[in-house]
Amino acid sequence: MAVKMSVLRDPRTVRTLESAIEALREQLATERDRCGQAEARADRAESRVEELRTALADARSSEHTATGEAAWFRSLMDEQRSWRLLRRLRWALRPVLVILLAFATLPVQASSAPLEPYSCRLYVDAHRQCAFGS
């Protein structure tokens, strides 16, 4: 579009064009500022996303570690439960064993019932273990 030279020489037209150009410059400066602010927000959002990704990776690692530790604690508790059961059985059977050992060490009296063969009697050997006589 060609503008005639005579139109450009008119001061009113020149002022109008200058004011339009100035308004466009102001709008351009405003848009550049907005664009710079949007870029800064985008950069902050990207850095926040990276921080969150790192935090998520750390949380996953911690969760994996915690899961392994929980499984280890469960197995340890199961093992201790079985120990408690064995300990209870040992303490429950201890009086029976003491009674058996006491009877095994009693001397045979002449007035007692007929004696059974020596091989069938329960006795305590040198290692304090219960055993059947032979």
Protein backbone atom coordinates (compact mmCIF):
# COMPACT_ATOMS: atom_id res chain seq x y z
CA MET A 1 0.00 0.00 0.00
CA ALA A 2 1.57 3.09 -1.10
CA VAL A 3 0.98 6.24 0.87
CA LYS A 4 1.06 9.40 -1.05
CA MET A 5 3.76 11.79 -0.06
CA SER A 6 1.36 14.66 0.28
CA VAL A 7 -0.53 12.81 3.03
CA LEU A 8 2.69 12.34 5.01
CA ARG A 9 3.43 16.04 4.84
CA ASP A 10 0.20 16.97 6.53
CA PRO A 11 1.05 17.67 10.24
CA ARG A 12 -2.27 16.36 11.46
CA THR A 13 -1.77 13.04 9.72
CA VAL A 14 1.81 12.85 11.00
CA ARG A 15 0.67 13.46 14.59
CA THR A 16 -2.02 10.84 14.24
CA LEU A 17 0.47 8.33 12.90
CA GLU A 18 2.99 9.22 15.63
CA SER A 19 0.38 8.75 18.35
CA ALA A 20 -0.69 5.41 16.80
CA ILE A 21 2.95 4.29 16.63
CA GLU A 22 3.50 5.37 20.24
CA ALA A 23 0.39 3.44 21.35
CA LEU A 24 1.66 0.38 19.49
CA ARG A 25 5.08 0.76 21.16
CA GLU A 26 3.41 0.88 24.59
CA GLN A 27 1.34 -2.19 23.77
CA LEU A 28 4.46 -3.95 22.52
CA ALA A 29 6.33 -3.09 25.73
CA THR A 30 3.38 -4.31 27.82
CA GLU A 31 3.22 -7.56 25.87
CA ARG A 32 7.00 -8.04 26.20
CA ASP A 33 6.67 -7.61 29.97
CA ARG A 34 3.80 -10.10 30.09
CA CYS A 35 5.80 -12.52 27.95
CA GLY A 36 8.80 -12.19 30.28
CA GLN A 37 6.58 -12.78 33.31
CA ALA A 38 5.02 -15.84 31.65
CA GLU A 39 8.48 -17.21 30.86
CA ALA A 40 9.55 -16.67 34.48
CA ARG A 41 6.40 -18.47 35.70
CA ALA A 42 7.07 -21.32 33.27
CA ASP A 43 10.68 -21.59 34.53
CA ARG A 44 9.48 -21.66 38.15
CA ALA A 45 6.87 -24.30 37.25
CA GLU A 46 9.51 -26.43 35.53
CA SER A 47 11.85 -26.21 38.52
CA ARG A 48 8.94 -27.07 40.85
CA VAL A 49 8.09 -30.08 38.69
CA GLU A 50 11.70 -31.25 38.94
CA GLU A 51 11.63 -30.77 42.73
CA LEU A 52 8.42 -32.79 42.93
CA ARG A 53 9.87 -35.54 40.75
CA THR A 54 12.90 -35.74 43.01
CA ALA A 55 10.68 -35.82 46.10
CA LEU A 56 8.55 -38.56 44.50
CA ALA A 57 11.64 -40.65 43.73
CA ASP A 58 12.82 -40.21 47.33
CA ALA A 59 9.38 -41.17 48.64
CA ARG A 60 9.32 -44.28 46.46
CA SER A 61 12.76 -45.27 47.68
CA SER A 62 11.72 -44.70 51.30
CA GLU A 63 8.53 -46.70 50.77
CA HIS A 64 10.51 -49.58 49.28
CA THR A 65 12.91 -49.51 52.22
CA ALA A 66 10.04 -49.33 54.72
CA THR A 67 8.31 -52.28 53.06
CA GLY A 68 11.47 -54.37 53.37
CA GLU A 69 11.95 -53.37 57.00
CA ALA A 70 8.32 -54.16 57.80
CA ALA A 71 8.70 -57.63 56.29
CA TRP A 72 11.87 -58.16 58.32
CA PHE A 73 10.10 -57.06 61.53
CA ARG A 74 7.17 -59.40 60.78
CA SER A 75 9.52 -62.34 60.32
CA LEU A 76 11.37 -61.41 63.51
CA MET A 77 8.10 -61.24 65.44
CA ASP A 78 6.97 -64.59 64.04
CA GLU A 79 10.29 -66.09 65.11
CA GLN A 80 9.97 -64.62 68.59
CA ARG A 81 6.41 -65.93 68.87
CA SER A 82 7.69 -69.44 68.20
CA TRP A 83 10.41 -68.92 70.83
CA ARG A 84 7.77 -67.92 73.33
CA LEU A 85 5.80 -71.04 72.56
CA LEU A 86 8.87 -73.25 73.02
CA ARG A 87 9.80 -71.43 76.23
CA ARG A 88 6.28 -71.90 77.59
CA LEU A 89 6.35 -75.60 76.72
CA ARG A 90 9.73 -76.01 78.41
CA TRP A 91 8.50 -74.30 81.58
CA ALA A 92 5.25 -76.24 81.51
CA LEU A 93 7.02 -79.58 81.13
CA ARG A 94 9.79 -78.83 83.63
CA PRO A 95 7.82 -79.99 86.73
CA VAL A 96 6.96 -83.25 84.96
CA LEU A 97 10.62 -83.81 84.17
CA VAL A 98 11.61 -83.06 87.76
CA ILE A 99 9.07 -85.56 89.04
CA LEU A 100 10.27 -88.19 86.60
CA LEU A 101 13.87 -87.62 87.61
CA ALA A 102 12.96 -87.76 91.31
CA PHE A 103 11.22 -91.11 90.85
CA ALA A 104 14.09 -92.42 88.79
CA THR A 105 16.63 -91.68 91.50
CA LEU A 106 14.63 -93.20 94.38
CA PRO A 107 16.14 -96.40 95.73
CA VAL A 108 14.10 -99.53 95.36
CA GLN A 109 12.60 -100.60 98.70
CA ALA A 110 12.13 -104.22 99.74
CA SER A 111 8.51 -103.68 100.77
CA SER A 112 7.47 -102.22 97.42
CA ALA A 113 5.74 -103.97 94.60
CA PRO A 114 7.53 -106.68 92.68
CA LEU A 115 10.56 -105.40 90.86
CA GLU A 116 10.48 -105.17 87.12
CA PRO A 117 13.52 -106.08 85.13
CA TYR A 118 16.34 -103.54 85.33
CA SER A 119 16.15 -102.91 81.60
CA CYS A 120 12.69 -101.31 81.92
CA ARG A 121 13.50 -98.81 84.69
CA LEU A 122 13.95 -95.11 84.03
CA TYR A 123 17.20 -93.72 85.41
CA VAL A 124 19.42 -90.65 85.14
CA ASP A 125 22.73 -91.24 83.43
CA ALA A 126 26.04 -89.49 84.14
CA HIS A 127 25.06 -86.54 81.95
CA ARG A 128 21.85 -85.96 83.94
CA GLN A 129 19.73 -87.15 81.02
CA CYS A 130 16.67 -89.35 81.36
CA ALA A 131 17.15 -92.75 79.78
CA PHE A 132 15.81 -96.25 79.99
CA GLY A 133 18.03 -98.82 81.67
CA SER A 134 19.53 -101.62 79.66
